[in-house]
Amino acid sequence: MGAAVLKKQFESVLGGHLDWQSRPSPELVPSGISEIGLPRGGLTEIFGPASSGRTSLLVSILAEATAREEVCALVDAEDCFDPVSAAAAGVRLPRLLWVRCGHNAEHALKAADLLIQGGGFGLVAMDLGDTPPQTARRISLTSWFRLRRAVEHTPTVLVTVARQSNAKTCASLQLECARERTVWSGGARLLRAIAVRVGQASRPVLFHRSKLCSPVFTATAI
């Protein structure tokens, strides 16, 4: 029996239109950039080369979440998180669980999975930004799919950060960071800020069709 025929039979019994294929839009939470909302119950992937603003965006997301009094977890694959600069940028460290994984991407993935399964976190972030791309690519799409399924139907925002896209079609939202200009000052050429743009992929697998969804996002030196 065709799906269209079956749908008509249900509509005749129920006496109204049956919209059984639509899914409710996920709740979006602020990221620190007005044009970008992060979906609860979904996987958001942030990627870009070094000095592209990806870490600044992650810190902004953590600051927003902890300001909402949510309990957050950061899975740090390469032990690169700096709590001092994060606190200066507005992250409330008492509301952040910092999981250090000893330079092991597989351990980071398992830790993120356990945190999501345990529940109670408004945000779980996994930072693979300093993980070599060839190492990050060893994480199979099956593992990413399992992580996406784990966070579905939960109030948790799952964020991953890396140099390149790894989750691909398993991600609900993909944000690509790219450096636009560097701001220097003084005769000693002191770094003051890095201006970047964040591009949201219109389709997960077609990164070249990304649209610029924010004005310049400035990462200021602290």
C-alpha atoms as a PDB file:
ATOM      1  CA  MET A   1       0.000   0.000   0.000  1.00  0.00           C
ATOM      2  CA  GLY A   2       1.397   3.397  -1.004  1.00  0.00           C
ATOM      3  CA  ALA A   3       2.163   6.029   1.580  1.00  0.00           C
ATOM      4  CA  ALA A   4      -0.238   8.500  -0.054  1.00  0.00           C
ATOM      5  CA  VAL A   5      -3.135   6.013   0.080  1.00  0.00           C
ATOM      6  CA  LEU A   6      -2.382   5.146   3.690  1.00  0.00           C
ATOM      7  CA  LYS A   7      -2.241   8.833   4.594  1.00  0.00           C
ATOM      8  CA  LYS A   8      -5.655   9.470   3.003  1.00  0.00           C
ATOM      9  CA  GLN A   9      -7.147   6.564   4.949  1.00  0.00           C
ATOM     10  CA  PHE A  10      -5.829   7.997   8.226  1.00  0.00           C
ATOM     11  CA  GLU A  11      -7.173  11.457   7.340  1.00  0.00           C
ATOM     12  CA  SER A  12     -10.613  10.055   6.607  1.00  0.00           C
ATOM     13  CA  VAL A  13     -10.675   8.279   9.970  1.00  0.00           C
ATOM     14  CA  LEU A  14      -9.339  11.260  11.925  1.00  0.00           C
ATOM     15  CA  GLY A  15     -11.448  13.783  10.038  1.00  0.00           C
ATOM     16  CA  GLY A  16      -8.642  16.211   9.256  1.00  0.00           C
ATOM     17  CA  HIS A  17      -5.331  16.835   7.598  1.00  0.00           C
ATOM     18  CA  LEU A  18      -2.539  14.566   8.770  1.00  0.00           C
ATOM     19  CA  ASP A  19       0.933  16.093   8.716  1.00  0.00           C
ATOM     20  CA  TRP A  20       2.910  13.063   9.862  1.00  0.00           C
ATOM     21  CA  GLN A  21       6.160  13.822   8.101  1.00  0.00           C
ATOM     22  CA  SER A  22       6.892  17.259   9.514  1.00  0.00           C
ATOM     23  CA  ARG A  23       9.167  17.658  12.531  1.00  0.00           C
ATOM     24  CA  PRO A  24       8.958  20.530  14.986  1.00  0.00           C
ATOM     25  CA  SER A  25      11.707  23.099  14.681  1.00  0.00           C
ATOM     26  CA  PRO A  26      14.349  22.674  17.374  1.00  0.00           C
ATOM     27  CA  GLU A  27      14.758  25.251  20.113  1.00  0.00           C
ATOM     28  CA  LEU A  28      17.620  27.575  19.285  1.00  0.00           C
ATOM     29  CA  VAL A  29      19.858  29.098  21.944  1.00  0.00           C
ATOM     30  CA  PRO A  30      22.179  32.134  21.575  1.00  0.00           C
ATOM     31  CA  SER A  31      25.761  31.607  20.471  1.00  0.00           C
ATOM     32  CA  GLY A  32      27.067  35.112  21.129  1.00  0.00           C
ATOM     33  CA  ILE A  33      26.562  36.054  17.459  1.00  0.00           C
ATOM     34  CA  SER A  34      23.084  37.436  16.893  1.00  0.00           C
ATOM     35  CA  GLU A  35      22.500  35.702  13.542  1.00  0.00           C
ATOM     36  CA  ILE A  36      23.419  32.233  14.787  1.00  0.00           C
ATOM     37  CA  GLY A  37      21.308  30.056  17.060  1.00  0.00           C
ATOM     38  CA  LEU A  38      22.424  26.617  18.198  1.00  0.00           C
ATOM     39  CA  PRO A  39      19.859  23.787  18.130  1.00  0.00           C
ATOM     40  CA  ARG A  40      19.095  21.876  21.286  1.00  0.00           C
ATOM     41  CA  GLY A  41      19.119  18.150  20.680  1.00  0.00           C
ATOM     42  CA  GLY A  42      21.416  18.599  17.698  1.00  0.00           C
ATOM     43  CA  LEU A  43      25.078  18.462  16.736  1.00  0.00           C
ATOM     44  CA  THR A  44      26.690  21.759  15.725  1.00  0.00           C
ATOM     45  CA  GLU A  45      30.067  21.502  14.005  1.00  0.00           C
ATOM     46  CA  ILE A  46      32.472  24.458  14.001  1.00  0.00           C
ATOM     47  CA  PHE A  47      35.523  24.151  11.788  1.00  0.00           C
ATOM     48  CA  GLY A  48      38.271  26.279  10.313  1.00  0.00           C
ATOM     49  CA  PRO A  49      42.065  26.615  10.199  1.00  0.00           C
ATOM     50  CA  ALA A  50      44.213  28.003  12.991  1.00  0.00           C
ATOM     51  CA  SER A  51      43.538  31.674  13.847  1.00  0.00           C
ATOM     52  CA  SER A  52      40.157  31.512  12.117  1.00  0.00           C
ATOM     53  CA  GLY A  53      38.150  32.432  15.219  1.00  0.00           C
ATOM     54  CA  ARG A  54      36.846  28.945  15.969  1.00  0.00           C
ATOM     55  CA  THR A  55      38.138  28.960  19.584  1.00  0.00           C
ATOM     56  CA  SER A  56      36.820  32.482  20.182  1.00  0.00           C
ATOM     57  CA  LEU A  57      33.413  31.342  18.935  1.00  0.00           C
ATOM     58  CA  LEU A  58      33.542  28.322  21.257  1.00  0.00           C
ATOM     59  CA  VAL A  59      34.402  30.551  24.230  1.00  0.00           C
ATOM     60  CA  SER A  60      31.530  32.869  23.268  1.00  0.00           C
ATOM     61  CA  ILE A  61      29.150  29.892  23.242  1.00  0.00           C
ATOM     62  CA  LEU A  62      30.400  28.752  26.647  1.00  0.00           C
ATOM     63  CA  ALA A  63      30.024  32.265  28.049  1.00  0.00           C
ATOM     64  CA  GLU A  64      26.433  32.490  26.799  1.00  0.00           C
ATOM     65  CA  ALA A  65      25.511  29.071  28.203  1.00  0.00           C
ATOM     66  CA  THR A  66      27.062  29.611  31.626  1.00  0.00           C
ATOM     67  CA  ALA A  67      25.431  33.062  31.795  1.00  0.00           C
ATOM     68  CA  ARG A  68      22.087  31.252  31.438  1.00  0.00           C
ATOM     69  CA  GLU A  69      23.090  29.305  34.574  1.00  0.00           C
ATOM     70  CA  GLU A  70      23.372  26.077  32.573  1.00  0.00           C
ATOM     71  CA  VAL A  71      25.846  23.381  33.559  1.00  0.00           C
ATOM     72  CA  CYS A  72      28.294  22.846  30.691  1.00  0.00           C
ATOM     73  CA  ALA A  73      31.020  20.352  29.861  1.00  0.00           C
ATOM     74  CA  LEU A  74      34.097  20.886  27.720  1.00  0.00           C
ATOM     75  CA  VAL A  75      35.856  17.768  26.431  1.00  0.00           C
ATOM     76  CA  ASP A  76      39.386  18.938  25.670  1.00  0.00           C
ATOM     77  CA  ALA A  77      41.095  16.430  23.381  1.00  0.00           C
ATOM     78  CA  GLU A  78      44.491  18.154  23.255  1.00  0.00           C
ATOM     79  CA  ASP A  79      44.643  19.933  26.639  1.00  0.00           C
ATOM     80  CA  CYS A  80      44.555  23.372  25.008  1.00  0.00           C
ATOM     81  CA  PHE A  81      41.810  25.106  27.014  1.00  0.00           C
ATOM     82  CA  ASP A  82      42.959  28.211  28.905  1.00  0.00           C
ATOM     83  CA  PRO A  83      40.593  28.802  31.849  1.00  0.00           C
ATOM     84  CA  VAL A  84      42.133  32.202  32.691  1.00  0.00           C
ATOM     85  CA  SER A  85      41.421  33.754  29.286  1.00  0.00           C
ATOM     86  CA  ALA A  86      38.044  31.994  29.150  1.00  0.00           C
ATOM     87  CA  ALA A  87      37.041  33.541  32.484  1.00  0.00           C
ATOM     88  CA  ALA A  88      38.211  36.946  31.229  1.00  0.00           C
ATOM     89  CA  ALA A  89      35.932  36.443  28.194  1.00  0.00           C
ATOM     90  CA  GLY A  90      32.901  35.804  30.411  1.00  0.00           C
ATOM     91  CA  VAL A  91      32.853  32.029  30.974  1.00  0.00           C
ATOM     92  CA  ARG A  92      31.639  31.197  34.485  1.00  0.00           C
ATOM     93  CA  LEU A  93      34.073  28.466  35.386  1.00  0.00           C
ATOM     94  CA  PRO A  94      32.097  27.110  38.404  1.00  0.00           C
ATOM     95  CA  ARG A  95      29.439  25.992  35.924  1.00  0.00           C
ATOM     96  CA  LEU A  96      31.913  24.303  33.565  1.00  0.00           C
ATOM     97  CA  LEU A  97      33.197  20.718  33.785  1.00  0.00           C
ATOM     98  CA  TRP A  98      36.598  20.512  32.063  1.00  0.00           C
ATOM     99  CA  VAL A  99      37.417  16.997  30.824  1.00  0.00           C
ATOM    100  CA  ARG A 100      41.052  16.600  29.734  1.00  0.00           C
ATOM    101  CA  CYS A 101      41.659  13.628  27.441  1.00  0.00           C
ATOM    102  CA  GLY A 102      45.456  13.445  27.154  1.00  0.00           C
ATOM    103  CA  HIS A 103      45.827  13.963  23.404  1.00  0.00           C
ATOM    104  CA  ASN A 104      43.402  11.195  22.457  1.00  0.00           C
ATOM    105  CA  ALA A 105      40.542  11.937  20.053  1.00  0.00           C
ATOM    106  CA  GLU A 106      38.876   8.564  20.591  1.00  0.00           C
ATOM    107  CA  HIS A 107      38.797   9.149  24.350  1.00  0.00           C
ATOM    108  CA  ALA A 108      37.292  12.574  23.719  1.00  0.00           C
ATOM    109  CA  LEU A 109      34.516  11.059  21.612  1.00  0.00           C
ATOM    110  CA  LYS A 110      33.736   8.449  24.282  1.00  0.00           C
ATOM    111  CA  ALA A 111      33.772  11.094  27.009  1.00  0.00           C
ATOM    112  CA  ALA A 112      31.306  13.263  25.080  1.00  0.00           C
ATOM    113  CA  ASP A 113      29.050  10.254  24.546  1.00  0.00           C
ATOM    114  CA  LEU A 114      29.070   9.424  28.267  1.00  0.00           C
ATOM    115  CA  LEU A 115      28.303  13.014  29.234  1.00  0.00           C
ATOM    116  CA  ILE A 116      25.335  13.157  26.862  1.00  0.00           C
ATOM    117  CA  GLN A 117      24.040   9.788  28.020  1.00  0.00           C
ATOM    118  CA  GLY A 118      24.375  10.871  31.651  1.00  0.00           C
ATOM    119  CA  GLY A 119      22.252  13.966  31.055  1.00  0.00           C
ATOM    120  CA  GLY A 120      22.003  17.154  33.056  1.00  0.00           C
ATOM    121  CA  PHE A 121      24.161  19.325  30.772  1.00  0.00           C
ATOM    122  CA  GLY A 122      22.812  22.273  28.827  1.00  0.00           C
ATOM    123  CA  LEU A 123      25.894  22.247  26.605  1.00  0.00           C
ATOM    124  CA  VAL A 124      28.526  19.629  25.814  1.00  0.00           C
ATOM    125  CA  ALA A 125      31.450  20.838  23.696  1.00  0.00           C
ATOM    126  CA  MET A 126      34.202  18.666  22.240  1.00  0.00           C
ATOM    127  CA  ASP A 127      37.324  20.551  21.162  1.00  0.00           C
ATOM    128  CA  LEU A 128      39.378  18.780  18.486  1.00  0.00           C
ATOM    129  CA  GLY A 129      40.815  22.059  17.209  1.00  0.00           C
ATOM    130  CA  ASP A 130      44.422  21.103  17.898  1.00  0.00           C
ATOM    131  CA  THR A 131      43.961  17.468  16.900  1.00  0.00           C
ATOM    132  CA  PRO A 132      45.819  16.694  13.631  1.00  0.00           C
ATOM    133  CA  PRO A 133      43.277  16.365  10.785  1.00  0.00           C
ATOM    134  CA  GLN A 134      44.502  12.878   9.872  1.00  0.00           C
ATOM    135  CA  THR A 135      43.810  11.758  13.452  1.00  0.00           C
ATOM    136  CA  ALA A 136      40.369  13.373  13.583  1.00  0.00           C
ATOM    137  CA  ARG A 137      39.439  11.717  10.285  1.00  0.00           C
ATOM    138  CA  ARG A 138      39.927   8.305  11.878  1.00  0.00           C
ATOM    139  CA  ILE A 139      36.698   8.852  13.785  1.00  0.00           C
ATOM    140  CA  SER A 140      34.168   6.999  11.652  1.00  0.00           C
ATOM    141  CA  LEU A 141      30.877   8.443  10.444  1.00  0.00           C
ATOM    142  CA  THR A 142      29.215   5.636  12.393  1.00  0.00           C
ATOM    143  CA  SER A 143      30.648   7.107  15.595  1.00  0.00           C
ATOM    144  CA  TRP A 144      29.434  10.579  14.665  1.00  0.00           C
ATOM    145  CA  PHE A 145      26.002   9.197  13.837  1.00  0.00           C
ATOM    146  CA  ARG A 146      25.852   7.463  17.214  1.00  0.00           C
ATOM    147  CA  LEU A 147      26.748  10.741  18.907  1.00  0.00           C
ATOM    148  CA  ARG A 148      24.034  12.573  16.987  1.00  0.00           C
ATOM    149  CA  ARG A 149      21.456   9.951  17.947  1.00  0.00           C
ATOM    150  CA  ALA A 150      22.524  10.179  21.584  1.00  0.00           C
ATOM    151  CA  VAL A 151      21.823  13.920  21.736  1.00  0.00           C
ATOM    152  CA  GLU A 152      18.508  13.745  19.865  1.00  0.00           C
ATOM    153  CA  HIS A 153      15.396  14.426  21.957  1.00  0.00           C
ATOM    154  CA  THR A 154      17.506  15.891  24.766  1.00  0.00           C
ATOM    155  CA  PRO A 155      17.787  19.538  25.901  1.00  0.00           C
ATOM    156  CA  THR A 156      21.558  19.415  25.355  1.00  0.00           C
ATOM    157  CA  VAL A 157      23.409  21.497  22.778  1.00  0.00           C
ATOM    158  CA  LEU A 158      26.310  19.458  21.355  1.00  0.00           C
ATOM    159  CA  VAL A 159      29.162  21.427  19.783  1.00  0.00           C
ATOM    160  CA  THR A 160      32.341  20.105  18.166  1.00  0.00           C
ATOM    161  CA  VAL A 161      35.329  22.171  17.051  1.00  0.00           C
ATOM    162  CA  ALA A 162      37.961  20.988  14.561  1.00  0.00           C
ATOM    163  CA  ARG A 163      40.223  22.168  11.750  1.00  0.00           C
ATOM    164  CA  GLN A 164      38.120  20.435   9.102  1.00  0.00           C
ATOM    165  CA  SER A 165      34.601  19.054   8.911  1.00  0.00           C
ATOM    166  CA  ASN A 166      34.449  15.539  10.329  1.00  0.00           C
ATOM    167  CA  ALA A 167      30.808  14.952  11.263  1.00  0.00           C
ATOM    168  CA  LYS A 168      29.618  16.011   7.791  1.00  0.00           C
ATOM    169  CA  THR A 169      25.987  14.904   7.235  1.00  0.00           C
ATOM    170  CA  CYS A 170      25.650  13.895  10.892  1.00  0.00           C
ATOM    171  CA  ALA A 171      25.725  17.567  11.897  1.00  0.00           C
ATOM    172  CA  SER A 172      22.501  19.526  12.281  1.00  0.00           C
ATOM    173  CA  LEU A 173      24.372  22.805  11.791  1.00  0.00           C
ATOM    174  CA  GLN A 174      27.819  23.520  10.353  1.00  0.00           C
ATOM    175  CA  LEU A 175      29.696  26.771  10.889  1.00  0.00           C
ATOM    176  CA  GLU A 176      32.857  27.471   8.917  1.00  0.00           C
ATOM    177  CA  CYS A 177      35.224  30.119  10.295  1.00  0.00           C
ATOM    178  CA  ALA A 178      37.671  32.048   8.130  1.00  0.00           C
ATOM    179  CA  ARG A 179      40.032  34.871   9.017  1.00  0.00           C
ATOM    180  CA  GLU A 180      39.291  38.111   7.219  1.00  0.00           C
ATOM    181  CA  ARG A 181      41.887  40.550   8.561  1.00  0.00           C
ATOM    182  CA  THR A 182      44.326  41.065  11.431  1.00  0.00           C
ATOM    183  CA  VAL A 183      44.471  44.251  13.487  1.00  0.00           C
ATOM    184  CA  TRP A 184      47.916  45.401  14.695  1.00  0.00           C
ATOM    185  CA  SER A 185      49.021  48.466  16.623  1.00  0.00           C
ATOM    186  CA  GLY A 186      52.167  50.100  17.923  1.00  0.00           C
ATOM    187  CA  GLY A 187      55.704  50.096  16.626  1.00  0.00           C
ATOM    188  CA  ALA A 188      56.219  46.633  18.113  1.00  0.00           C
ATOM    189  CA  ARG A 189      53.340  45.310  15.989  1.00  0.00           C
ATOM    190  CA  LEU A 190      51.174  44.165  18.881  1.00  0.00           C
ATOM    191  CA  LEU A 191      48.252  41.935  17.954  1.00  0.00           C
ATOM    192  CA  ARG A 192      45.009  43.613  18.970  1.00  0.00           C
ATOM    193  CA  ALA A 193      42.302  41.639  17.194  1.00  0.00           C
ATOM    194  CA  ILE A 194      41.506  39.167  14.442  1.00  0.00           C
ATOM    195  CA  ALA A 195      38.395  39.804  12.372  1.00  0.00           C
ATOM    196  CA  VAL A 196      36.751  36.679  10.982  1.00  0.00           C
ATOM    197  CA  ARG A 197      33.541  35.684   9.269  1.00  0.00           C
ATOM    198  CA  VAL A 198      31.382  32.718  10.149  1.00  0.00           C
ATOM    199  CA  GLY A 199      29.692  30.908   7.276  1.00  0.00           C
ATOM    200  CA  GLN A 200      26.704  28.615   7.720  1.00  0.00           C
ATOM    201  CA  ALA A 201      26.561  25.741   5.249  1.00  0.00           C
ATOM    202  CA  SER A 202      23.207  25.686   3.480  1.00  0.00           C
ATOM    203  CA  ARG A 203      23.545  21.926   2.986  1.00  0.00           C
ATOM    204  CA  PRO A 204      25.828  19.749   5.134  1.00  0.00           C
ATOM    205  CA  VAL A 205      27.801  18.251   2.266  1.00  0.00           C
ATOM    206  CA  LEU A 206      28.118  21.341   0.078  1.00  0.00           C
ATOM    207  CA  PHE A 207      30.528  23.567   1.923  1.00  0.00           C
ATOM    208  CA  HIS A 208      31.231  25.681  -1.163  1.00  0.00           C
ATOM    209  CA  ARG A 209      27.620  26.896  -1.071  1.00  0.00           C
ATOM    210  CA  SER A 210      27.939  28.421   2.372  1.00  0.00           C
ATOM    211  CA  LYS A 211      26.445  31.821   3.062  1.00  0.00           C
ATOM    212  CA  LEU A 212      27.931  34.473   5.311  1.00  0.00           C
ATOM    213  CA  CYS A 213      25.474  34.604   8.167  1.00  0.00           C
ATOM    214  CA  SER A 214      27.155  37.148  10.398  1.00  0.00           C
ATOM    215  CA  PRO A 215      29.011  40.405  10.143  1.00  0.00           C
ATOM    216  CA  VAL A 216      32.650  40.441  11.063  1.00  0.00           C
ATOM    217  CA  PHE A 217      33.199  38.644  14.357  1.00  0.00           C
ATOM    218  CA  THR A 218      36.169  40.204  16.136  1.00  0.00           C
ATOM    219  CA  ALA A 219      38.330  38.099  18.426  1.00  0.00           C
ATOM    220  CA  THR A 220      40.074  40.635  20.660  1.00  0.00           C
ATOM    221  CA  ALA A 221      43.395  39.929  22.328  1.00  0.00           C
ATOM    222  CA  ILE A 222      43.048  39.849  26.117  1.00  0.00           C
END
